[in-house]
Amino acid sequence: MAGLAAAALGIGLVILGFGALALRRSLLWKLLGLNVASGGAILFLVALSHRPGARPPLVGYPADAPSADPLPQALVLTAIVIHFATLALSLAYAVSLTERLHTQETERIEEAAEEEMRR
């Protein structure tokens, strides 16, 4: 039951994150929405790998009980590291754009990019 609740919470976080990504105009709110959606996807992957009563896959344990699969754990750890790196890079770009254009509204940033391309 805990795995099902975690999966539902993960799906809810993904929906909430994509909602913020679609509805907010500020660049920082969009990055926050993307962060929440990514966290929800990671939680969903963890919930899918949940096995009640699973033991660690170590040598020496009896083979009668089901063992936990280490592959989802490795994928989730990799996803967390990649998520942190992309968020840090995105925030650095957001700070740079804010200092250069003096705005965080995506519409004004797009207009400024179109003006630069016309030049």
PDB file of N, CA and C in Angstrom:
ATOM      1  N   MET A   1       0.817  -1.197   0.000  1.00  0.00           N
ATOM      2  CA  MET A   1       0.000   0.000   0.000  1.00  0.00           C
ATOM      3  C   MET A   1       0.860   1.260   0.000  1.00  0.00           C
ATOM      4  N   ALA A   2       2.023   1.200   0.656  1.00  0.00           N
ATOM      5  CA  ALA A   2       2.896   2.375   0.703  1.00  0.00           C
ATOM      6  C   ALA A   2       3.442   2.697  -0.679  1.00  0.00           C
ATOM      7  N   GLY A   3       3.721   1.670  -1.475  1.00  0.00           N
ATOM      8  CA  GLY A   3       4.210   1.894  -2.832  1.00  0.00           C
ATOM      9  C   GLY A   3       3.157   2.563  -3.699  1.00  0.00           C
ATOM     10  N   LEU A   4       1.905   2.178  -3.532  1.00  0.00           N
ATOM     11  CA  LEU A   4       0.819   2.779  -4.306  1.00  0.00           C
ATOM     12  C   LEU A   4       0.609   4.244  -3.924  1.00  0.00           C
ATOM     13  N   ALA A   5       0.697   4.542  -2.626  1.00  0.00           N
ATOM     14  CA  ALA A   5       0.553   5.933  -2.177  1.00  0.00           C
ATOM     15  C   ALA A   5       1.704   6.795  -2.678  1.00  0.00           C
ATOM     16  N   ALA A   6       2.916   6.237  -2.665  1.00  0.00           N
ATOM     17  CA  ALA A   6       4.070   6.987  -3.171  1.00  0.00           C
ATOM     18  C   ALA A   6       3.960   7.205  -4.678  1.00  0.00           C
ATOM     19  N   ALA A   7       3.447   6.215  -5.406  1.00  0.00           N
ATOM     20  CA  ALA A   7       3.259   6.378  -6.851  1.00  0.00           C
ATOM     21  C   ALA A   7       2.224   7.465  -7.144  1.00  0.00           C
ATOM     22  N   ALA A   8       1.135   7.476  -6.380  1.00  0.00           N
ATOM     23  CA  ALA A   8       0.109   8.512  -6.567  1.00  0.00           C
ATOM     24  C   ALA A   8       0.663   9.892  -6.233  1.00  0.00           C
ATOM     25  N   LEU A   9       1.461   9.985  -5.170  1.00  0.00           N
ATOM     26  CA  LEU A   9       2.078  11.266  -4.821  1.00  0.00           C
ATOM     27  C   LEU A   9       3.054  11.710  -5.906  1.00  0.00           C
ATOM     28  N   GLY A  10       3.811  10.774  -6.463  1.00  0.00           N
ATOM     29  CA  GLY A  10       4.731  11.106  -7.554  1.00  0.00           C
ATOM     30  C   GLY A  10       4.001  11.634  -8.770  1.00  0.00           C
ATOM     31  N   ILE A  11       2.894  10.994  -9.136  1.00  0.00           N
ATOM     32  CA  ILE A  11       2.096  11.470 -10.276  1.00  0.00           C
ATOM     33  C   ILE A  11       1.521  12.850  -9.978  1.00  0.00           C
ATOM     34  N   GLY A  12       1.067  13.060  -8.741  1.00  0.00           N
ATOM     35  CA  GLY A  12       0.551  14.379  -8.359  1.00  0.00           C
ATOM     36  C   GLY A  12       1.614  15.460  -8.448  1.00  0.00           C
ATOM     37  N   LEU A  13       2.825  15.141  -8.029  1.00  0.00           N
ATOM     38  CA  LEU A  13       3.910  16.122  -8.118  1.00  0.00           C
ATOM     39  C   LEU A  13       4.270  16.439  -9.567  1.00  0.00           C
ATOM     40  N   VAL A  14       4.249  15.428 -10.429  1.00  0.00           N
ATOM     41  CA  VAL A  14       4.528  15.675 -11.853  1.00  0.00           C
ATOM     42  C   VAL A  14       3.464  16.593 -12.451  1.00  0.00           C
ATOM     43  N   ILE A  15       2.209  16.326 -12.138  1.00  0.00           N
ATOM     44  CA  ILE A  15       1.118  17.171 -12.643  1.00  0.00           C
ATOM     45  C   ILE A  15       1.237  18.594 -12.104  1.00  0.00           C
ATOM     46  N   LEU A  16       1.536  18.726 -10.813  1.00  0.00           N
ATOM     47  CA  LEU A  16       1.710  20.052 -10.212  1.00  0.00           C
ATOM     48  C   LEU A  16       2.881  20.800 -10.850  1.00  0.00           C
ATOM     49  N   GLY A  17       3.983  20.106 -11.076  1.00  0.00           N
ATOM     50  CA  GLY A  17       5.153  20.735 -11.692  1.00  0.00           C
ATOM     51  C   GLY A  17       4.887  21.191 -13.108  1.00  0.00           C
ATOM     52  N   PHE A  18       4.237  20.336 -13.906  1.00  0.00           N
ATOM     53  CA  PHE A  18       3.935  20.735 -15.279  1.00  0.00           C
ATOM     54  C   PHE A  18       2.882  21.838 -15.329  1.00  0.00           C
ATOM     55  N   GLY A  19       1.986  21.858 -14.327  1.00  0.00           N
ATOM     56  CA  GLY A  19       1.024  22.960 -14.238  1.00  0.00           C
ATOM     57  C   GLY A  19       1.721  24.293 -13.990  1.00  0.00           C
ATOM     58  N   ALA A  20       2.681  24.286 -13.077  1.00  0.00           N
ATOM     59  CA  ALA A  20       3.443  25.519 -12.822  1.00  0.00           C
ATOM     60  C   ALA A  20       4.272  25.894 -14.037  1.00  0.00           C
ATOM     61  N   LEU A  21       4.791  24.902 -14.731  1.00  0.00           N
ATOM     62  CA  LEU A  21       5.583  25.163 -15.928  1.00  0.00           C
ATOM     63  C   LEU A  21       4.739  25.803 -17.031  1.00  0.00           C
ATOM     64  N   ALA A  22       3.497  25.386 -17.135  1.00  0.00           N
ATOM     65  CA  ALA A  22       2.632  25.906 -18.191  1.00  0.00           C
ATOM     66  C   ALA A  22       1.956  27.222 -17.824  1.00  0.00           C
ATOM     67  N   LEU A  23       1.633  27.421 -16.560  1.00  0.00           N
ATOM     68  CA  LEU A  23       0.802  28.568 -16.187  1.00  0.00           C
ATOM     69  C   LEU A  23       1.574  29.785 -15.689  1.00  0.00           C
ATOM     70  N   ARG A  24       2.747  29.607 -15.160  1.00  0.00           N
ATOM     71  CA  ARG A  24       3.505  30.738 -14.620  1.00  0.00           C
ATOM     72  C   ARG A  24       4.309  31.432 -15.702  1.00  0.00           C
ATOM     73  N   ARG A  25       4.517  32.736 -15.538  1.00  0.00           N
ATOM     74  CA  ARG A  25       5.275  33.501 -16.528  1.00  0.00           C
ATOM     75  C   ARG A  25       6.710  33.768 -16.095  1.00  0.00           C
ATOM     76  N   SER A  26       6.978  33.680 -14.822  1.00  0.00           N
ATOM     77  CA  SER A  26       8.314  33.964 -14.324  1.00  0.00           C
ATOM     78  C   SER A  26       9.249  32.785 -14.593  1.00  0.00           C
ATOM     79  N   LEU A  27      10.464  33.108 -14.961  1.00  0.00           N
ATOM     80  CA  LEU A  27      11.455  32.084 -15.267  1.00  0.00           C
ATOM     81  C   LEU A  27      11.789  31.233 -14.045  1.00  0.00           C
ATOM     82  N   LEU A  28      11.883  31.851 -12.889  1.00  0.00           N
ATOM     83  CA  LEU A  28      12.196  31.091 -11.679  1.00  0.00           C
ATOM     84  C   LEU A  28      11.058  30.150 -11.283  1.00  0.00           C
ATOM     85  N   TRP A  29       9.809  30.569 -11.477  1.00  0.00           N
ATOM     86  CA  TRP A  29       8.681  29.694 -11.193  1.00  0.00           C
ATOM     87  C   TRP A  29       8.663  28.513 -12.158  1.00  0.00           C
ATOM     88  N   LYS A  30       9.034  28.760 -13.410  1.00  0.00           N
ATOM     89  CA  LYS A  30       9.106  27.671 -14.376  1.00  0.00           C
ATOM     90  C   LYS A  30      10.195  26.669 -13.988  1.00  0.00           C
ATOM     91  N   LEU A  31      11.337  27.167 -13.528  1.00  0.00           N
ATOM     92  CA  LEU A  31      12.396  26.269 -13.077  1.00  0.00           C
ATOM     93  C   LEU A  31      11.969  25.499 -11.833  1.00  0.00           C
ATOM     94  N   LEU A  32      11.240  26.152 -10.926  1.00  0.00           N
ATOM     95  CA  LEU A  32      10.730  25.476  -9.743  1.00  0.00           C
ATOM     96  C   LEU A  32       9.733  24.388 -10.144  1.00  0.00           C
ATOM     97  N   GLY A  33       8.863  24.679 -11.099  1.00  0.00           N
ATOM     98  CA  GLY A  33       7.913  23.676 -11.585  1.00  0.00           C
ATOM     99  C   GLY A  33       8.615  22.488 -12.214  1.00  0.00           C
ATOM    100  N   LEU A  34       9.663  22.760 -12.981  1.00  0.00           N
ATOM    101  CA  LEU A  34      10.438  21.678 -13.577  1.00  0.00           C
ATOM    102  C   LEU A  34      11.126  20.851 -12.499  1.00  0.00           C
ATOM    103  N   ASN A  35      11.597  21.497 -11.453  1.00  0.00           N
ATOM    104  CA  ASN A  35      12.227  20.812 -10.323  1.00  0.00           C
ATOM    105  C   ASN A  35      11.223  19.901  -9.614  1.00  0.00           C
ATOM    106  N   VAL A  36      10.025  20.384  -9.384  1.00  0.00           N
ATOM    107  CA  VAL A  36       8.995  19.586  -8.719  1.00  0.00           C
ATOM    108  C   VAL A  36       8.584  18.408  -9.597  1.00  0.00           C
ATOM    109  N   ALA A  37       8.441  18.631 -10.901  1.00  0.00           N
ATOM    110  CA  ALA A  37       8.070  17.540 -11.807  1.00  0.00           C
ATOM    111  C   ALA A  37       9.154  16.471 -11.853  1.00  0.00           C
ATOM    112  N   SER A  38      10.391  16.878 -11.864  1.00  0.00           N
ATOM    113  CA  SER A  38      11.489  15.918 -11.862  1.00  0.00           C
ATOM    114  C   SER A  38      11.535  15.127 -10.559  1.00  0.00           C
ATOM    115  N   GLY A  39      11.312  15.799  -9.452  1.00  0.00           N
ATOM    116  CA  GLY A  39      11.249  15.102  -8.167  1.00  0.00           C
ATOM    117  C   GLY A  39      10.095  14.110  -8.115  1.00  0.00           C
ATOM    118  N   GLY A  40       8.968  14.482  -8.707  1.00  0.00           N
ATOM    119  CA  GLY A  40       7.830  13.557  -8.772  1.00  0.00           C
ATOM    120  C   GLY A  40       8.124  12.336  -9.626  1.00  0.00           C
ATOM    121  N   ALA A  41       8.839  12.535 -10.729  1.00  0.00           N
ATOM    122  CA  ALA A  41       9.211  11.395 -11.572  1.00  0.00           C
ATOM    123  C   ALA A  41      10.178  10.466 -10.842  1.00  0.00           C
ATOM    124  N   ILE A  42      11.102  11.034 -10.087  1.00  0.00           N
ATOM    125  CA  ILE A  42      12.036  10.224  -9.308  1.00  0.00           C
ATOM    126  C   ILE A  42      11.284   9.447  -8.229  1.00  0.00           C
ATOM    127  N   LEU A  43      10.341  10.099  -7.545  1.00  0.00           N
ATOM    128  CA  LEU A  43       9.542   9.418  -6.532  1.00  0.00           C
ATOM    129  C   LEU A  43       8.714   8.299  -7.155  1.00  0.00           C
ATOM    130  N   PHE A  44       8.184   8.521  -8.346  1.00  0.00           N
ATOM    131  CA  PHE A  44       7.413   7.493  -9.037  1.00  0.00           C
ATOM    132  C   PHE A  44       8.284   6.283  -9.365  1.00  0.00           C
ATOM    133  N   LEU A  45       9.520   6.523  -9.803  1.00  0.00           N
ATOM    134  CA  LEU A  45      10.431   5.408 -10.082  1.00  0.00           C
ATOM    135  C   LEU A  45      10.758   4.627  -8.813  1.00  0.00           C
ATOM    136  N   VAL A  46      10.946   5.323  -7.710  1.00  0.00           N
ATOM    137  CA  VAL A  46      11.205   4.643  -6.436  1.00  0.00           C
ATOM    138  C   VAL A  46       9.988   3.821  -6.021  1.00  0.00           C
ATOM    139  N   ALA A  47       8.792   4.370  -6.212  1.00  0.00           N
ATOM    140  CA  ALA A  47       7.565   3.654  -5.838  1.00  0.00           C
ATOM    141  C   ALA A  47       7.367   2.410  -6.692  1.00  0.00           C
ATOM    142  N   LEU A  48       7.740   2.480  -7.960  1.00  0.00           N
ATOM    143  CA  LEU A  48       7.596   1.307  -8.821  1.00  0.00           C
ATOM    144  C   LEU A  48       8.529   0.178  -8.417  1.00  0.00           C
ATOM    145  N   SER A  49       9.666   0.509  -7.860  1.00  0.00           N
ATOM    146  CA  SER A  49      10.625  -0.525  -7.482  1.00  0.00           C
ATOM    147  C   SER A  49      10.370  -1.081  -6.089  1.00  0.00           C
ATOM    148  N   HIS A  50       9.347  -0.592  -5.388  1.00  0.00           N
ATOM    149  CA  HIS A  50       9.049  -1.044  -4.026  1.00  0.00           C
ATOM    150  C   HIS A  50       8.539  -2.486  -4.047  1.00  0.00           C
ATOM    151  N   ARG A  51       9.163  -3.330  -3.238  1.00  0.00           N
ATOM    152  CA  ARG A  51       8.701  -4.709  -3.039  1.00  0.00           C
ATOM    153  C   ARG A  51       8.542  -4.938  -1.544  1.00  0.00           C
ATOM    154  N   PRO A  52       7.336  -5.223  -1.073  1.00  0.00           N
ATOM    155  CA  PRO A  52       7.165  -5.462   0.361  1.00  0.00           C
ATOM    156  C   PRO A  52       7.922  -6.724   0.799  1.00  0.00           C
ATOM    157  N   GLY A  53       8.646  -6.629   1.870  1.00  0.00           N
ATOM    158  CA  GLY A  53       9.367  -7.766   2.417  1.00  0.00           C
ATOM    159  C   GLY A  53      10.648  -8.117   1.691  1.00  0.00           C
ATOM    160  N   ALA A  54      11.110  -7.244   0.805  1.00  0.00           N
ATOM    161  CA  ALA A  54      12.326  -7.540   0.053  1.00  0.00           C
ATOM    162  C   ALA A  54      13.545  -7.336   0.945  1.00  0.00           C
ATOM    163  N   ARG A  55      14.554  -8.144   0.712  1.00  0.00           N
ATOM    164  CA  ARG A  55      15.793  -8.043   1.477  1.00  0.00           C
ATOM    165  C   ARG A  55      16.884  -7.490   0.568  1.00  0.00           C
ATOM    166  N   PRO A  56      17.977  -7.010   1.126  1.00  0.00           N
ATOM    167  CA  PRO A  56      19.063  -6.509   0.286  1.00  0.00           C
ATOM    168  C   PRO A  56      19.685  -7.639  -0.540  1.00  0.00           C
ATOM    169  N   PRO A  57      20.080  -7.377  -1.769  1.00  0.00           N
ATOM    170  CA  PRO A  57      20.663  -8.434  -2.609  1.00  0.00           C
ATOM    171  C   PRO A  57      22.141  -8.670  -2.275  1.00  0.00           C
ATOM    172  N   LEU A  58      22.390  -9.290  -1.131  1.00  0.00           N
ATOM    173  CA  LEU A  58      23.752  -9.538  -0.678  1.00  0.00           C
ATOM    174  C   LEU A  58      24.020 -11.037  -0.628  1.00  0.00           C
ATOM    175  N   VAL A  59      25.260 -11.401  -0.834  1.00  0.00           N
ATOM    176  CA  VAL A  59      25.655 -12.798  -0.750  1.00  0.00           C
ATOM    177  C   VAL A  59      25.593 -13.235   0.714  1.00  0.00           C
ATOM    178  N   GLY A  60      25.060 -14.416   0.961  1.00  0.00           N
ATOM    179  CA  GLY A  60      24.971 -14.928   2.316  1.00  0.00           C
ATOM    180  C   GLY A  60      23.560 -14.894   2.871  1.00  0.00           C
ATOM    181  N   TYR A  61      22.639 -14.137   2.278  1.00  0.00           N
ATOM    182  CA  TYR A  61      21.255 -14.148   2.720  1.00  0.00           C
ATOM    183  C   TYR A  61      20.576 -15.394   2.163  1.00  0.00           C
ATOM    184  N   PRO A  62      19.595 -15.909   2.858  1.00  0.00           N
ATOM    185  CA  PRO A  62      18.895 -17.076   2.310  1.00  0.00           C
ATOM    186  C   PRO A  62      18.152 -16.715   1.031  1.00  0.00           C
ATOM    187  N   ALA A  63      18.048 -17.673   0.130  1.00  0.00           N
ATOM    188  CA  ALA A  63      17.464 -17.415  -1.189  1.00  0.00           C
ATOM    189  C   ALA A  63      15.953 -17.559  -1.213  1.00  0.00           C
ATOM    190  N   ASP A  64      15.320 -17.845  -0.072  1.00  0.00           N
ATOM    191  CA  ASP A  64      13.871 -18.065  -0.086  1.00  0.00           C
ATOM    192  C   ASP A  64      13.068 -16.764  -0.129  1.00  0.00           C
ATOM    193  N   ALA A  65      13.601 -15.671   0.369  1.00  0.00           N
ATOM    194  CA  ALA A  65      12.880 -14.393   0.379  1.00  0.00           C
ATOM    195  C   ALA A  65      13.201 -13.610  -0.897  1.00  0.00           C
ATOM    196  N   PRO A  66      12.241 -12.793  -1.369  1.00  0.00           N
ATOM    197  CA  PRO A  66      12.533 -11.986  -2.568  1.00  0.00           C
ATOM    198  C   PRO A  66      13.575 -10.906  -2.250  1.00  0.00           C
ATOM    199  N   SER A  67      14.410 -10.631  -3.214  1.00  0.00           N
ATOM    200  CA  SER A  67      15.433  -9.606  -2.995  1.00  0.00           C
ATOM    201  C   SER A  67      15.074  -8.334  -3.755  1.00  0.00           C
ATOM    202  N   ALA A  68      15.566  -7.225  -3.260  1.00  0.00           N
ATOM    203  CA  ALA A  68      15.332  -5.931  -3.891  1.00  0.00           C
ATOM    204  C   ALA A  68      16.199  -5.817  -5.143  1.00  0.00           C
ATOM    205  N   ASP A  69      15.662  -5.176  -6.164  1.00  0.00           N
ATOM    206  CA  ASP A  69      16.396  -4.987  -7.408  1.00  0.00           C
ATOM    207  C   ASP A  69      17.272  -3.746  -7.282  1.00  0.00           C
ATOM    208  N   PRO A  70      18.591  -3.845  -7.445  1.00  0.00           N
ATOM    209  CA  PRO A  70      19.457  -2.668  -7.280  1.00  0.00           C
ATOM    210  C   PRO A  70      19.462  -1.730  -8.485  1.00  0.00           C
ATOM    211  N   LEU A  71      18.974  -2.171  -9.638  1.00  0.00           N
ATOM    212  CA  LEU A  71      19.004  -1.331 -10.832  1.00  0.00           C
ATOM    213  C   LEU A  71      18.164  -0.063 -10.686  1.00  0.00           C
ATOM    214  N   PRO A  72      16.904  -0.114 -10.212  1.00  0.00           N
ATOM    215  CA  PRO A  72      16.159   1.146 -10.037  1.00  0.00           C
ATOM    216  C   PRO A  72      16.834   2.102  -9.070  1.00  0.00           C
ATOM    217  N   GLN A  73      17.481   1.565  -8.039  1.00  0.00           N
ATOM    218  CA  GLN A  73      18.175   2.435  -7.092  1.00  0.00           C
ATOM    219  C   GLN A  73      19.323   3.164  -7.781  1.00  0.00           C
ATOM    220  N   ALA A  74      20.066   2.459  -8.610  1.00  0.00           N
ATOM    221  CA  ALA A  74      21.177   3.082  -9.334  1.00  0.00           C
ATOM    222  C   ALA A  74      20.661   4.123 -10.322  1.00  0.00           C
ATOM    223  N   LEU A  75      19.560   3.820 -11.008  1.00  0.00           N
ATOM    224  CA  LEU A  75      18.991   4.774 -11.962  1.00  0.00           C
ATOM    225  C   LEU A  75      18.483   6.032 -11.251  1.00  0.00           C
ATOM    226  N   VAL A  76      17.876   5.854 -10.086  1.00  0.00           N
ATOM    227  CA  VAL A  76      17.363   7.000  -9.333  1.00  0.00           C
ATOM    228  C   VAL A  76      18.508   7.866  -8.839  1.00  0.00           C
ATOM    229  N   LEU A  77      19.582   7.259  -8.349  1.00  0.00           N
ATOM    230  CA  LEU A  77      20.732   8.052  -7.911  1.00  0.00           C
ATOM    231  C   LEU A  77      21.338   8.836  -9.069  1.00  0.00           C
ATOM    232  N   THR A  78      21.421   8.214 -10.235  1.00  0.00           N
ATOM    233  CA  THR A  78      21.924   8.909 -11.417  1.00  0.00           C
ATOM    234  C   THR A  78      20.988  10.051 -11.805  1.00  0.00           C
ATOM    235  N   ALA A  79      19.679   9.802 -11.744  1.00  0.00           N
ATOM    236  CA  ALA A  79      18.705  10.847 -12.078  1.00  0.00           C
ATOM    237  C   ALA A  79      18.793  12.024 -11.115  1.00  0.00           C
ATOM    238  N   ILE A  80      19.029  11.758  -9.837  1.00  0.00           N
ATOM    239  CA  ILE A  80      19.141  12.838  -8.858  1.00  0.00           C
ATOM    240  C   ILE A  80      20.366  13.695  -9.147  1.00  0.00           C
ATOM    241  N   VAL A  81      21.484  13.061  -9.479  1.00  0.00           N
ATOM    242  CA  VAL A  81      22.706  13.815  -9.778  1.00  0.00           C
ATOM    243  C   VAL A  81      22.523  14.663 -11.038  1.00  0.00           C
ATOM    244  N   ILE A  82      21.952  14.079 -12.082  1.00  0.00           N
ATOM    245  CA  ILE A  82      21.716  14.826 -13.320  1.00  0.00           C
ATOM    246  C   ILE A  82      20.721  15.954 -13.078  1.00  0.00           C
ATOM    247  N   HIS A  83      19.704  15.693 -12.283  1.00  0.00           N
ATOM    248  CA  HIS A  83      18.706  16.705 -11.953  1.00  0.00           C
ATOM    249  C   HIS A  83      19.350  17.895 -11.228  1.00  0.00           C
ATOM    250  N   PHE A  84      20.210  17.622 -10.275  1.00  0.00           N
ATOM    251  CA  PHE A  84      20.882  18.689  -9.536  1.00  0.00           C
ATOM    252  C   PHE A  84      21.782  19.502 -10.459  1.00  0.00           C
ATOM    253  N   ALA A  85      22.519  18.836 -11.336  1.00  0.00           N
ATOM    254  CA  ALA A  85      23.433  19.549 -12.237  1.00  0.00           C
ATOM    255  C   ALA A  85      22.668  20.428 -13.222  1.00  0.00           C
ATOM    256  N   THR A  86      21.589  19.915 -13.796  1.00  0.00           N
ATOM    257  CA  THR A  86      20.824  20.727 -14.743  1.00  0.00           C
ATOM    258  C   THR A  86      20.119  21.881 -14.045  1.00  0.00           C
ATOM    259  N   LEU A  87      19.670  21.671 -12.814  1.00  0.00           N
ATOM    260  CA  LEU A  87      19.035  22.768 -12.078  1.00  0.00           C
ATOM    261  C   LEU A  87      20.045  23.861 -11.766  1.00  0.00           C
ATOM    262  N   ALA A  88      21.254  23.479 -11.355  1.00  0.00           N
ATOM    263  CA  ALA A  88      22.285  24.476 -11.065  1.00  0.00           C
ATOM    264  C   ALA A  88      22.649  25.269 -12.317  1.00  0.00           C
ATOM    265  N   LEU A  89      22.797  24.588 -13.448  1.00  0.00           N
ATOM    266  CA  LEU A  89      23.109  25.274 -14.702  1.00  0.00           C
ATOM    267  C   LEU A  89      21.961  26.182 -15.130  1.00  0.00           C
ATOM    268  N   SER A  90      20.728  25.721 -14.982  1.00  0.00           N
ATOM    269  CA  SER A  90      19.569  26.540 -15.346  1.00  0.00           C
ATOM    270  C   SER A  90      19.468  27.788 -14.474  1.00  0.00           C
ATOM    271  N   LEU A  91      19.740  27.646 -13.189  1.00  0.00           N
ATOM    272  CA  LEU A  91      19.706  28.813 -12.311  1.00  0.00           C
ATOM    273  C   LEU A  91      20.815  29.799 -12.647  1.00  0.00           C
ATOM    274  N   ALA A  92      21.975  29.296 -13.038  1.00  0.00           N
ATOM    275  CA  ALA A  92      23.060  30.190 -13.454  1.00  0.00           C
ATOM    276  C   ALA A  92      22.660  30.967 -14.705  1.00  0.00           C
ATOM    277  N   TYR A  93      22.023  30.283 -15.672  1.00  0.00           N
ATOM    278  CA  TYR A  93      21.542  30.973 -16.872  1.00  0.00           C
ATOM    279  C   TYR A  93      20.439  31.975 -16.537  1.00  0.00           C
ATOM    280  N   ALA A  94      19.574  31.619 -15.594  1.00  0.00           N
ATOM    281  CA  ALA A  94      18.494  32.529 -15.206  1.00  0.00           C
ATOM    282  C   ALA A  94      19.052  33.795 -14.559  1.00  0.00           C
ATOM    283  N   VAL A  95      20.066  33.650 -13.714  1.00  0.00           N
ATOM    284  CA  VAL A  95      20.698  34.820 -13.099  1.00  0.00           C
ATOM    285  C   VAL A  95      21.349  35.687 -14.174  1.00  0.00           C
ATOM    286  N   SER A  96      22.019  35.047 -15.124  1.00  0.00           N
ATOM    287  CA  SER A  96      22.660  35.787 -16.208  1.00  0.00           C
ATOM    288  C   SER A  96      21.632  36.542 -17.055  1.00  0.00           C
ATOM    289  N   LEU A  97      20.532  35.889 -17.389  1.00  0.00           N
ATOM    290  CA  LEU A  97      19.481  36.559 -18.168  1.00  0.00           C
ATOM    291  C   LEU A  97      18.835  37.693 -17.389  1.00  0.00           C
ATOM    292  N   THR A  98      18.624  37.487 -16.102  1.00  0.00           N
ATOM    293  CA  THR A  98      18.010  38.519 -15.273  1.00  0.00           C
ATOM    294  C   THR A  98      18.910  39.746 -15.175  1.00  0.00           C
ATOM    295  N   GLU A  99      20.202  39.535 -15.015  1.00  0.00           N
ATOM    296  CA  GLU A  99      21.129  40.670 -14.950  1.00  0.00           C
ATOM    297  C   GLU A  99      21.225  41.394 -16.285  1.00  0.00           C
ATOM    298  N   ARG A 100      21.153  40.638 -17.375  1.00  0.00           N
ATOM    299  CA  ARG A 100      21.315  41.239 -18.694  1.00  0.00           C
ATOM    300  C   ARG A 100      20.064  41.942 -19.179  1.00  0.00           C
ATOM    301  N   LEU A 101      18.894  41.335 -18.972  1.00  0.00           N
ATOM    302  CA  LEU A 101      17.644  41.875 -19.514  1.00  0.00           C
ATOM    303  C   LEU A 101      16.774  42.568 -18.464  1.00  0.00           C
ATOM    304  N   HIS A 102      17.120  42.462 -17.185  1.00  0.00           N
ATOM    305  CA  HIS A 102      16.396  43.083 -16.085  1.00  0.00           C
ATOM    306  C   HIS A 102      14.944  42.623 -16.012  1.00  0.00           C
ATOM    307  N   THR A 103      14.700  41.358 -16.343  1.00  0.00           N
ATOM    308  CA  THR A 103      13.365  40.781 -16.230  1.00  0.00           C
ATOM    309  C   THR A 103      13.472  39.277 -16.079  1.00  0.00           C
ATOM    310  N   GLN A 104      12.388  38.689 -15.521  1.00  0.00           N
ATOM    311  CA  GLN A 104      12.288  37.238 -15.442  1.00  0.00           C
ATOM    312  C   GLN A 104      11.066  36.716 -16.179  1.00  0.00           C
ATOM    313  N   GLU A 105      10.321  37.604 -16.809  1.00  0.00           N
ATOM    314  CA  GLU A 105       9.137  37.185 -17.554  1.00  0.00           C
ATOM    315  C   GLU A 105       9.569  36.568 -18.873  1.00  0.00           C
ATOM    316  N   THR A 106       9.065  35.375 -19.146  1.00  0.00           N
ATOM    317  CA  THR A 106       9.514  34.634 -20.325  1.00  0.00           C
ATOM    318  C   THR A 106       9.105  35.317 -21.628  1.00  0.00           C
ATOM    319  N   GLU A 107       7.961  35.994 -21.634  1.00  0.00           N
ATOM    320  CA  GLU A 107       7.531  36.675 -22.863  1.00  0.00           C
ATOM    321  C   GLU A 107       8.514  37.792 -23.230  1.00  0.00           C
ATOM    322  N   ARG A 108       8.933  38.557 -22.243  1.00  0.00           N
ATOM    323  CA  ARG A 108       9.882  39.653 -22.524  1.00  0.00           C
ATOM    324  C   ARG A 108      11.254  39.100 -22.913  1.00  0.00           C
ATOM    325  N   ILE A 109      11.650  37.970 -22.329  1.00  0.00           N
ATOM    326  CA  ILE A 109      12.921  37.344 -22.699  1.00  0.00           C
ATOM    327  C   ILE A 109      12.866  36.856 -24.141  1.00  0.00           C
ATOM    328  N   GLU A 110      11.727  36.274 -24.547  1.00  0.00           N
ATOM    329  CA  GLU A 110      11.563  35.824 -25.934  1.00  0.00           C
ATOM    330  C   GLU A 110      11.572  37.002 -26.904  1.00  0.00           C
ATOM    331  N   GLU A 111      10.925  38.097 -26.521  1.00  0.00           N
ATOM    332  CA  GLU A 111      10.928  39.289 -27.381  1.00  0.00           C
ATOM    333  C   GLU A 111      12.343  39.837 -27.552  1.00  0.00           C
ATOM    334  N   ALA A 112      13.108  39.858 -26.471  1.00  0.00           N
ATOM    335  CA  ALA A 112      14.492  40.338 -26.549  1.00  0.00           C
ATOM    336  C   ALA A 112      15.340  39.414 -27.401  1.00  0.00           C
ATOM    337  N   ALA A 113      15.081  38.111 -27.338  1.00  0.00           N
ATOM    338  CA  ALA A 113      15.831  37.165 -28.176  1.00  0.00           C
ATOM    339  C   ALA A 113      15.478  37.347 -29.640  1.00  0.00           C
ATOM    340  N   GLU A 114      14.227  37.614 -29.945  1.00  0.00           N
ATOM    341  CA  GLU A 114      13.811  37.851 -31.335  1.00  0.00           C
ATOM    342  C   GLU A 114      14.440  39.121 -31.867  1.00  0.00           C
ATOM    343  N   GLU A 115      14.508  40.177 -31.038  1.00  0.00           N
ATOM    344  CA  GLU A 115      15.150  41.414 -31.461  1.00  0.00           C
ATOM    345  C   GLU A 115      16.617  41.196 -31.756  1.00  0.00           C
ATOM    346  N   GLU A 116      17.287  40.385 -30.931  1.00  0.00           N
ATOM    347  CA  GLU A 116      18.725  40.114 -31.158  1.00  0.00           C
ATOM    348  C   GLU A 116      18.932  39.323 -32.445  1.00  0.00           C
ATOM    349  N   MET A 117      17.996  38.444 -32.769  1.00  0.00           N
ATOM    350  CA  MET A 117      18.137  37.631 -33.986  1.00  0.00           C
ATOM    351  C   MET A 117      17.908  38.469 -35.244  1.00  0.00           C
ATOM    352  N   ARG A 118      17.071  39.505 -35.127  1.00  0.00           N
ATOM    353  CA  ARG A 118      16.823  40.369 -36.270  1.00  0.00           C
ATOM    354  C   ARG A 118      18.017  41.249 -36.594  1.00  0.00           C
ATOM    355  N   ARG A 119      18.857  41.513 -35.623  1.00  0.00           N
ATOM    356  CA  ARG A 119      20.020  42.381 -35.836  1.00  0.00           C
ATOM    357  C   ARG A 119      21.077  41.727 -36.624  1.00  0.00           C
TER     358      ARG A 119
END
